Amino acid sequence: MKIQRNILLALSFLLSVSAFGQSTADAKKVLDNAAAIVGRRGGAAANFTITGGEVGRASGSIALKGEKFKAVTPETTIWFDGKTQWAYMKSTNEVNISTPNEAQRMSMNPYAFISMYKNGYRMSMKTVNNTYVVHLQAIHPARSMQEFYITISKSYYPQQIKMLQGKKWVTINISNFRTVSQSNSNFRFKHSDAPSAEIIDLR
C-alpha cells in the first residue's frame, strides 16, 4: 500500500542536471500558471507512467477536481473527496477508509504540487528544450517531500515529475492531460465499486 501511495504522488516533477538560474519569482509564476490549469474548478484528467525506486514500472490514470482525486493503477484505486480517503487493494480485496493528513495526501495525489509549492520550498528554474524545469527543495528537514523537479510545457501543462524517495529517484511521466468536467460523486467509494471487498475503517 505504501508503495502504491507513493506511486500516486505527483504527476508533474522533473530532474535535470543543468544549472538552475532563473529567479524564484519566475519559477513561482510558471507554477501559478500550471496550478491554474490543473486546479480548474470543473476538473481534469490525465494518464501517467512511473519508473524507478521500489516500483519498477507502473501506469495508471487520475481524475481530479480541486483537492479531490481518484487515482487508478492495475493494483490500487484511491478515492479522496477532500476529507475522507478510500483505498482499494485488489490483491487483498480490502478497502481501507481513513482521514489522511496533509503529508499523506501529498504522497498520494500526483498533483499535490498545486498547493505545496506555495510555502516552505526554495525554488529555481531553467528553460530546457522548450520546457520549464522547476527545482524545489524543502526549507525544513521535516517536510515530507524534500526535493523534486517539475517539467512544465510552455503552455503550462505538467509533463514530468522527478522526486527523491529516500535515496532513490522516481520519475512520473504525464500524458493526455485534459480538462474534463468531473462529478463530485466520482471521488467517493461506492459499494458497487468493489461489492465483495472487506471494509476496514481506520478513522
Foldseek 3Di string as FASTA:
>chain_A
DLVQLQVQAAFFWDDDPDDFDDAPVVVVVLLQLLLCVCQPQQWKKWKKWKDKDPPHIWIWMKIDHHLWIWIDTPAWIWFDLPFKIWIAGPVQLAIEIDGDDPLSSNSRHNHSSSPVVPDFWDWTWDQDPQWIKIWIAGPDPVRSFGIKIGIAHPSSHRAKIWGQDPNMIMIMGIPDMDGDGDDSVVRDDDCVVRVPGHYHYPD
